Amino acid sequence: MTEQEKRWIEAWRIAGPELERIRDEELRSLDDANAIGLLGGSRSNGQETSGLAIFQAWMMRLKVIELLKSVEQKT
């Protein structure tokens, strides 16, 4: 392993927990309206959506729920 690779690995080892902390903080501060917008949804936009877009939105919602559960378990 080269010295540059070792520095790269060390930088990510240090950055990882901080990035996780930032992600957790942002998830905790999310309100319903912003979360819906980030997931590509809207309460009343009147536009039709393809089945694929709906499926992707539901998968993203599932991921957010899983992330919120992992945040709650840490606190």
PDB file of N, CA and C in Angstrom:
ATOM      1  N   MET A   1       0.853  -1.175   0.000  1.00  0.00           N
ATOM      2  CA  MET A   1       0.000   0.000   0.000  1.00  0.00           C
ATOM      3  C   MET A   1       0.901   1.241   0.000  1.00  0.00           C
ATOM      4  N   THR A   2       0.563   2.179  -0.843  1.00  0.00           N
ATOM      5  CA  THR A   2       1.369   3.399  -0.934  1.00  0.00           C
ATOM      6  C   THR A   2       1.044   4.348   0.217  1.00  0.00           C
ATOM      7  N   GLU A   3       1.928   5.312   0.408  1.00  0.00           N
ATOM      8  CA  GLU A   3       1.712   6.310   1.451  1.00  0.00           C
ATOM      9  C   GLU A   3       0.447   7.128   1.181  1.00  0.00           C
ATOM     10  N   GLN A   4       0.216   7.447  -0.082  1.00  0.00           N
ATOM     11  CA  GLN A   4      -0.978   8.213  -0.441  1.00  0.00           C
ATOM     12  C   GLN A   4      -2.248   7.422  -0.127  1.00  0.00           C
ATOM     13  N   GLU A   5      -2.233   6.120  -0.405  1.00  0.00           N
ATOM     14  CA  GLU A   5      -3.394   5.281  -0.088  1.00  0.00           C
ATOM     15  C   GLU A   5      -3.628   5.231   1.420  1.00  0.00           C
ATOM     16  N   LYS A   6      -2.548   5.144   2.181  1.00  0.00           N
ATOM     17  CA  LYS A   6      -2.682   5.125   3.639  1.00  0.00           C
ATOM     18  C   LYS A   6      -3.291   6.425   4.154  1.00  0.00           C
ATOM     19  N   ARG A   7      -2.840   7.567   3.589  1.00  0.00           N
ATOM     20  CA  ARG A   7      -3.400   8.863   4.000  1.00  0.00           C
ATOM     21  C   ARG A   7      -4.873   8.956   3.625  1.00  0.00           C
ATOM     22  N   TRP A   8      -5.225   8.455   2.443  1.00  0.00           N
ATOM     23  CA  TRP A   8      -6.611   8.471   1.969  1.00  0.00           C
ATOM     24  C   TRP A   8      -7.509   7.666   2.927  1.00  0.00           C
ATOM     25  N   ILE A   9      -7.051   6.477   3.277  1.00  0.00           N
ATOM     26  CA  ILE A   9      -7.811   5.612   4.188  1.00  0.00           C
ATOM     27  C   ILE A   9      -7.963   6.282   5.548  1.00  0.00           C
ATOM     28  N   GLU A  10      -6.892   6.875   6.051  1.00  0.00           N
ATOM     29  CA  GLU A  10      -6.941   7.545   7.347  1.00  0.00           C
ATOM     30  C   GLU A  10      -7.904   8.733   7.327  1.00  0.00           C
ATOM     31  N   ALA A  11      -7.875   9.485   6.219  1.00  0.00           N
ATOM     32  CA  ALA A  11      -8.784  10.637   6.104  1.00  0.00           C
ATOM     33  C   ALA A  11     -10.233  10.184   6.155  1.00  0.00           C
ATOM     34  N   TRP A  12     -10.573   9.107   5.456  1.00  0.00           N
ATOM     35  CA  TRP A  12     -11.949   8.615   5.479  1.00  0.00           C
ATOM     36  C   TRP A  12     -12.316   7.998   6.820  1.00  0.00           C
ATOM     37  N   ARG A  13     -11.336   7.394   7.487  1.00  0.00           N
ATOM     38  CA  ARG A  13     -11.600   6.833   8.816  1.00  0.00           C
ATOM     39  C   ARG A  13     -11.974   7.949   9.786  1.00  0.00           C
ATOM     40  N   ILE A  14     -11.312   9.070   9.663  1.00  0.00           N
ATOM     41  CA  ILE A  14     -11.608  10.219  10.519  1.00  0.00           C
ATOM     42  C   ILE A  14     -12.912  10.889  10.097  1.00  0.00           C
ATOM     43  N   ALA A  15     -13.132  11.032   8.800  1.00  0.00           N
ATOM     44  CA  ALA A  15     -14.308  11.748   8.299  1.00  0.00           C
ATOM     45  C   ALA A  15     -15.598  10.953   8.489  1.00  0.00           C
ATOM     46  N   GLY A  16     -15.519   9.641   8.476  1.00  0.00           N
ATOM     47  CA  GLY A  16     -16.709   8.796   8.539  1.00  0.00           C
ATOM     48  C   GLY A  16     -17.642   9.124   9.696  1.00  0.00           C
ATOM     49  N   PRO A  17     -17.151   9.121  10.931  1.00  0.00           N
ATOM     50  CA  PRO A  17     -18.043   9.421  12.060  1.00  0.00           C
ATOM     51  C   PRO A  17     -18.637  10.830  11.996  1.00  0.00           C
ATOM     52  N   GLU A  18     -17.857  11.790  11.513  1.00  0.00           N
ATOM     53  CA  GLU A  18     -18.372  13.159  11.415  1.00  0.00           C
ATOM     54  C   GLU A  18     -19.470  13.246  10.365  1.00  0.00           C
ATOM     55  N   LEU A  19     -19.278  12.597   9.231  1.00  0.00           N
ATOM     56  CA  LEU A  19     -20.313  12.585   8.195  1.00  0.00           C
ATOM     57  C   LEU A  19     -21.577  11.889   8.691  1.00  0.00           C
ATOM     58  N   GLU A  20     -21.403  10.830   9.452  1.00  0.00           N
ATOM     59  CA  GLU A  20     -22.553  10.129  10.031  1.00  0.00           C
ATOM     60  C   GLU A  20     -23.294  11.032  11.017  1.00  0.00           C
ATOM     61  N   ARG A  21     -22.542  11.776  11.826  1.00  0.00           N
ATOM     62  CA  ARG A  21     -23.161  12.703  12.785  1.00  0.00           C
ATOM     63  C   ARG A  21     -23.963  13.778  12.063  1.00  0.00           C
ATOM     64  N   ILE A  22     -23.404  14.325  10.980  1.00  0.00           N
ATOM     65  CA  ILE A  22     -24.102  15.350  10.199  1.00  0.00           C
ATOM     66  C   ILE A  22     -25.373  14.781   9.594  1.00  0.00           C
ATOM     67  N   ARG A  23     -25.292  13.578   9.019  1.00  0.00           N
ATOM     68  CA  ARG A  23     -26.471  12.937   8.439  1.00  0.00           C
ATOM     69  C   ARG A  23     -27.558  12.745   9.493  1.00  0.00           C
ATOM     70  N   ASP A  24     -27.169  12.233  10.669  1.00  0.00           N
ATOM     71  CA  ASP A  24     -28.136  11.996  11.733  1.00  0.00           C
ATOM     72  C   ASP A  24     -28.802  13.296  12.187  1.00  0.00           C
ATOM     73  N   GLU A  25     -28.000  14.356  12.307  1.00  0.00           N
ATOM     74  CA  GLU A  25     -28.533  15.659  12.703  1.00  0.00           C
ATOM     75  C   GLU A  25     -29.528  16.188  11.675  1.00  0.00           C
ATOM     76  N   GLU A  26     -29.196  16.040  10.399  1.00  0.00           N
ATOM     77  CA  GLU A  26     -30.100  16.505   9.344  1.00  0.00           C
ATOM     78  C   GLU A  26     -31.389  15.692   9.328  1.00  0.00           C
ATOM     79  N   LEU A  27     -31.308  14.391   9.564  1.00  0.00           N
ATOM     80  CA  LEU A  27     -32.517  13.567   9.606  1.00  0.00           C
ATOM     81  C   LEU A  27     -33.410  13.966  10.776  1.00  0.00           C
ATOM     82  N   ARG A  28     -32.794  14.251  11.926  1.00  0.00           N
ATOM     83  CA  ARG A  28     -33.588  14.653  13.093  1.00  0.00           C
ATOM     84  C   ARG A  28     -34.296  15.981  12.875  1.00  0.00           C
ATOM     85  N   SER A  29     -33.676  16.885  12.110  1.00  0.00           N
ATOM     86  CA  SER A  29     -34.252  18.211  11.938  1.00  0.00           C
ATOM     87  C   SER A  29     -35.244  18.297  10.781  1.00  0.00           C
ATOM     88  N   LEU A  30     -35.458  17.219  10.074  1.00  0.00           N
ATOM     89  CA  LEU A  30     -36.355  17.216   8.925  1.00  0.00           C
ATOM     90  C   LEU A  30     -37.813  17.324   9.377  1.00  0.00           C
ATOM     91  N   ASP A  31     -38.560  18.250   8.798  1.00  0.00           N
ATOM     92  CA  ASP A  31     -39.989  18.296   9.084  1.00  0.00           C
ATOM     93  C   ASP A  31     -40.741  17.584   7.947  1.00  0.00           C
ATOM     94  N   ASP A  32     -42.015  17.338   8.151  1.00  0.00           N
ATOM     95  CA  ASP A  32     -42.794  16.546   7.197  1.00  0.00           C
ATOM     96  C   ASP A  32     -42.807  17.146   5.793  1.00  0.00           C
ATOM     97  N   ALA A  33     -43.036  18.442   5.693  1.00  0.00           N
ATOM     98  CA  ALA A  33     -43.132  19.077   4.372  1.00  0.00           C
ATOM     99  C   ALA A  33     -41.814  18.973   3.610  1.00  0.00           C
ATOM    100  N   ASN A  34     -40.703  19.239   4.302  1.00  0.00           N
ATOM    101  CA  ASN A  34     -39.401  19.128   3.654  1.00  0.00           C
ATOM    102  C   ASN A  34     -39.090  17.690   3.271  1.00  0.00           C
ATOM    103  N   ALA A  35     -39.434  16.755   4.140  1.00  0.00           N
ATOM    104  CA  ALA A  35     -39.170  15.349   3.848  1.00  0.00           C
ATOM    105  C   ALA A  35     -39.935  14.903   2.612  1.00  0.00           C
ATOM    106  N   ILE A  36     -41.193  15.299   2.523  1.00  0.00           N
ATOM    107  CA  ILE A  36     -41.997  14.930   1.355  1.00  0.00           C
ATOM    108  C   ILE A  36     -41.385  15.518   0.088  1.00  0.00           C
ATOM    109  N   GLY A  37     -40.947  16.761   0.162  1.00  0.00           N
ATOM    110  CA  GLY A  37     -40.310  17.389  -0.990  1.00  0.00           C
ATOM    111  C   GLY A  37     -39.025  16.697  -1.390  1.00  0.00           C
ATOM    112  N   LEU A  38     -38.206  16.325  -0.405  1.00  0.00           N
ATOM    113  CA  LEU A  38     -36.956  15.633  -0.695  1.00  0.00           C
ATOM    114  C   LEU A  38     -37.193  14.263  -1.309  1.00  0.00           C
ATOM    115  N   LEU A  39     -38.301  13.658  -0.952  1.00  0.00           N
ATOM    116  CA  LEU A  39     -38.630  12.344  -1.503  1.00  0.00           C
ATOM    117  C   LEU A  39     -39.299  12.447  -2.867  1.00  0.00           C
ATOM    118  N   GLY A  40     -39.446  13.655  -3.362  1.00  0.00           N
ATOM    119  CA  GLY A  40     -40.040  13.830  -4.682  1.00  0.00           C
ATOM    120  C   GLY A  40     -41.547  13.851  -4.662  1.00  0.00           C
ATOM    121  N   GLY A  41     -42.115  13.966  -3.494  1.00  0.00           N
ATOM    122  CA  GLY A  41     -43.564  13.971  -3.380  1.00  0.00           C
ATOM    123  C   GLY A  41     -44.109  15.371  -3.218  1.00  0.00           C
ATOM    124  N   SER A  42     -45.394  15.454  -3.256  1.00  0.00           N
ATOM    125  CA  SER A  42     -46.066  16.720  -3.038  1.00  0.00           C
ATOM    126  C   SER A  42     -47.455  16.409  -2.509  1.00  0.00           C
ATOM    127  N   ARG A  43     -47.964  17.279  -1.718  1.00  0.00           N
ATOM    128  CA  ARG A  43     -49.297  17.037  -1.166  1.00  0.00           C
ATOM    129  C   ARG A  43     -50.396  17.270  -2.196  1.00  0.00           C
ATOM    130  N   SER A  44     -50.157  18.179  -3.136  1.00  0.00           N
ATOM    131  CA  SER A  44     -51.218  18.441  -4.122  1.00  0.00           C
ATOM    132  C   SER A  44     -50.655  19.122  -5.371  1.00  0.00           C
ATOM    133  N   ASN A  45     -49.858  18.411  -6.135  1.00  0.00           N
ATOM    134  CA  ASN A  45     -49.310  19.038  -7.322  1.00  0.00           C
ATOM    135  C   ASN A  45     -50.142  18.736  -8.578  1.00  0.00           C
ATOM    136  N   GLY A  46     -51.069  17.805  -8.501  1.00  0.00           N
ATOM    137  CA  GLY A  46     -51.964  17.526  -9.611  1.00  0.00           C
ATOM    138  C   GLY A  46     -51.322  16.854 -10.814  1.00  0.00           C
ATOM    139  N   GLN A  47     -50.050  16.488 -10.728  1.00  0.00           N
ATOM    140  CA  GLN A  47     -49.378  15.849 -11.847  1.00  0.00           C
ATOM    141  C   GLN A  47     -49.483  14.336 -11.729  1.00  0.00           C
ATOM    142  N   GLU A  48     -49.603  13.699 -12.893  1.00  0.00           N
ATOM    143  CA  GLU A  48     -49.585  12.248 -12.896  1.00  0.00           C
ATOM    144  C   GLU A  48     -48.146  11.774 -12.779  1.00  0.00           C
ATOM    145  N   THR A  49     -47.967  10.627 -12.169  1.00  0.00           N
ATOM    146  CA  THR A  49     -46.637  10.092 -11.956  1.00  0.00           C
ATOM    147  C   THR A  49     -46.590   8.664 -12.486  1.00  0.00           C
ATOM    148  N   SER A  50     -45.466   8.307 -13.079  1.00  0.00           N
ATOM    149  CA  SER A  50     -45.319   6.951 -13.598  1.00  0.00           C
ATOM    150  C   SER A  50     -45.188   5.955 -12.457  1.00  0.00           C
ATOM    151  N   GLY A  51     -45.472   4.705 -12.760  1.00  0.00           N
ATOM    152  CA  GLY A  51     -45.338   3.649 -11.756  1.00  0.00           C
ATOM    153  C   GLY A  51     -43.913   3.537 -11.239  1.00  0.00           C
ATOM    154  N   LEU A  52     -42.941   3.729 -12.133  1.00  0.00           N
ATOM    155  CA  LEU A  52     -41.541   3.647 -11.723  1.00  0.00           C
ATOM    156  C   LEU A  52     -41.209   4.757 -10.721  1.00  0.00           C
ATOM    157  N   ALA A  53     -41.680   5.970 -10.986  1.00  0.00           N
ATOM    158  CA  ALA A  53     -41.416   7.087 -10.075  1.00  0.00           C
ATOM    159  C   ALA A  53     -42.062   6.836  -8.714  1.00  0.00           C
ATOM    160  N   ILE A  54     -43.259   6.281  -8.717  1.00  0.00           N
ATOM    161  CA  ILE A  54     -43.936   5.965  -7.452  1.00  0.00           C
ATOM    162  C   ILE A  54     -43.148   4.905  -6.693  1.00  0.00           C
ATOM    163  N   PHE A  55     -42.703   3.868  -7.405  1.00  0.00           N
ATOM    164  CA  PHE A  55     -41.917   2.801  -6.778  1.00  0.00           C
ATOM    165  C   PHE A  55     -40.631   3.372  -6.168  1.00  0.00           C
ATOM    166  N   GLN A  56     -39.944   4.221  -6.928  1.00  0.00           N
ATOM    167  CA  GLN A  56     -38.704   4.822  -6.430  1.00  0.00           C
ATOM    168  C   GLN A  56     -38.962   5.693  -5.199  1.00  0.00           C
ATOM    169  N   ALA A  57     -40.057   6.424  -5.211  1.00  0.00           N
ATOM    170  CA  ALA A  57     -40.394   7.257  -4.052  1.00  0.00           C
ATOM    171  C   ALA A  57     -40.641   6.386  -2.821  1.00  0.00           C
ATOM    172  N   TRP A  58     -41.328   5.270  -2.986  1.00  0.00           N
ATOM    173  CA  TRP A  58     -41.588   4.374  -1.858  1.00  0.00           C
ATOM    174  C   TRP A  58     -40.298   3.744  -1.350  1.00  0.00           C
ATOM    175  N   MET A  59     -39.393   3.399  -2.252  1.00  0.00           N
ATOM    176  CA  MET A  59     -38.107   2.841  -1.830  1.00  0.00           C
ATOM    177  C   MET A  59     -37.300   3.872  -1.050  1.00  0.00           C
ATOM    178  N   MET A  60     -37.365   5.131  -1.484  1.00  0.00           N
ATOM    179  CA  MET A  60     -36.667   6.195  -0.766  1.00  0.00           C
ATOM    180  C   MET A  60     -37.294   6.394   0.609  1.00  0.00           C
ATOM    181  N   ARG A  61     -38.610   6.346   0.681  1.00  0.00           N
ATOM    182  CA  ARG A  61     -39.276   6.470   1.983  1.00  0.00           C
ATOM    183  C   ARG A  61     -38.820   5.363   2.927  1.00  0.00           C
ATOM    184  N   LEU A  62     -38.734   4.138   2.390  1.00  0.00           N
ATOM    185  CA  LEU A  62     -38.281   3.009   3.197  1.00  0.00           C
ATOM    186  C   LEU A  62     -36.869   3.258   3.713  1.00  0.00           C
ATOM    187  N   LYS A  63     -36.000   3.781   2.867  1.00  0.00           N
ATOM    188  CA  LYS A  63     -34.625   4.067   3.275  1.00  0.00           C
ATOM    189  C   LYS A  63     -34.598   5.132   4.370  1.00  0.00           C
ATOM    190  N   VAL A  64     -35.413   6.167   4.237  1.00  0.00           N
ATOM    191  CA  VAL A  64     -35.468   7.214   5.261  1.00  0.00           C
ATOM    192  C   VAL A  64     -35.951   6.632   6.584  1.00  0.00           C
ATOM    193  N   ILE A  65     -36.953   5.782   6.539  1.00  0.00           N
ATOM    194  CA  ILE A  65     -37.463   5.149   7.761  1.00  0.00           C
ATOM    195  C   ILE A  65     -36.373   4.319   8.416  1.00  0.00           C
ATOM    196  N   GLU A  66     -35.620   3.558   7.602  1.00  0.00           N
ATOM    197  CA  GLU A  66     -34.526   2.755   8.152  1.00  0.00           C
ATOM    198  C   GLU A  66     -33.455   3.648   8.777  1.00  0.00           C
ATOM    199  N   LEU A  67     -33.125   4.761   8.125  1.00  0.00           N
ATOM    200  CA  LEU A  67     -32.131   5.680   8.673  1.00  0.00           C
ATOM    201  C   LEU A  67     -32.615   6.301   9.985  1.00  0.00           C
ATOM    202  N   LEU A  68     -33.885   6.679  10.026  1.00  0.00           N
ATOM    203  CA  LEU A  68     -34.432   7.258  11.257  1.00  0.00           C
ATOM    204  C   LEU A  68     -34.397   6.252  12.399  1.00  0.00           C
ATOM    205  N   LYS A  69     -34.701   4.991  12.099  1.00  0.00           N
ATOM    206  CA  LYS A  69     -34.641   3.955  13.128  1.00  0.00           C
ATOM    207  C   LYS A  69     -33.215   3.786  13.647  1.00  0.00           C
ATOM    208  N   SER A  70     -32.240   3.816  12.731  1.00  0.00           N
ATOM    209  CA  SER A  70     -30.846   3.655  13.175  1.00  0.00           C
ATOM    210  C   SER A  70     -30.405   4.850  14.012  1.00  0.00           C
ATOM    211  N   VAL A  71     -30.902   6.051  13.692  1.00  0.00           N
ATOM    212  CA  VAL A  71     -30.579   7.240  14.472  1.00  0.00           C
ATOM    213  C   VAL A  71     -31.195   7.116  15.858  1.00  0.00           C
ATOM    214  N   GLU A  72     -32.432   6.666  15.928  1.00  0.00           N
ATOM    215  CA  GLU A  72     -33.115   6.533  17.215  1.00  0.00           C
ATOM    216  C   GLU A  72     -32.422   5.482  18.105  1.00  0.00           C
ATOM    217  N   GLN A  73     -31.910   4.435  17.495  1.00  0.00           N
ATOM    218  CA  GLN A  73     -31.238   3.407  18.267  1.00  0.00           C
ATOM    219  C   GLN A  73     -29.924   3.909  18.860  1.00  0.00           C
ATOM    220  N   LYS A  74     -29.301   4.884  18.204  1.00  0.00           N
ATOM    221  CA  LYS A  74     -28.034   5.423  18.691  1.00  0.00           C
ATOM    222  C   LYS A  74     -28.232   6.398  19.846  1.00  0.00           C
ATOM    223  N   THR A  75     -29.432   6.974  19.930  1.00  0.00           N
ATOM    224  CA  THR A  75     -29.668   7.988  20.965  1.00  0.00           C
ATOM    225  C   THR A  75     -30.374   7.402  22.152  1.00  0.00           C
TER     226      THR A  75
END
